[in-house]
Amino acid sequence: MAREPSGTAPEDAFFREVDEEVRKDQLAGFWNRYGRWIVIAIGLGLVALAGFLWWREEQVRKVGVLSEEFSAAQQGLELGNAKAVQEIERFATGEYGGYTVLARFTKASRAVENGDNAAALAEYQALAADRKLPQPLRDLASITAVRVEYDTLAPAEVVTRLKPLAQPGAPWFGVAGEMLAVAYINEGKPELAGPIFAAISSDETIAPSLRQRAQQLAASLGSLPDADVPSTPASAADAPATGATTGKN
């Protein structure tokens, strides 16, 4: 059996020592060359993280302040506070995100309450045309604009403007569908109104009061089975068609 050369073990140890020294030299060279930049990068990362955390806390604080200010302005309006009117105007004309949109709807609703339908209509139409807003809010503005001028519009005009928005499953189906159905009745087309009232009455996402009214109207038009006929029938004239609203259904 051949023997392993006696110098193999010392040579291995020597090569390992040399390899370790080479690695140490390489690491030292790498650190001397790039160490400063690594420290700078870590420092910048920590500064960026601290800045982000501060920004997030500041945003939360600002939202809290805006919420309090807007709530105070809304309460002031109910009390007839003139300063509250100025605050709502500030929100409506500024850049306050969702609070700006709420303030614009508030301004329009307040104009209706004050009998200034022209100002309300202009605001609702501007909201409906604002492409920066989510589509459901634009649709709500369109529907409410129709409600504001409902009494002055021809039924055919109401149908044209509301039919695309009065589809089952749409966000504002209840409000838009009710006005559309009444417009059909005013056009002398009750056969088109009944199914809409029936659909509203069976939609559990719609407010109970509106569903009950729709059920009564659907029954009076013969669009519900006999078993579903309410005890107190309603007429189409009972359905509200004027005034402003910002409720979902």
Foldseek 3Di string as FASTA:
>chain_A
DDDDDPCPVVVVVVVVVVVVVVVVVVVVVCCVVCVVVVVVVVVVVVVVVVVVVVVVVVVVVVVVVVVVLLVVLVVCVVVVNPVSLVSLVCLCPDPDPPSVLVSLQVVLQVCVVVVNLVVNLVSLCVQLPDPVDPNLRNLLSQLQSCQACVVVDQLVVLLVSLVVQCDPPHQQNLSSLLLNLLSCVVVVNNVVNLVSLVSLLPDPVDDNVSNVLSLLDNVVSVNDPPVSHDPDHDHSVPRRRHHGDDDRD
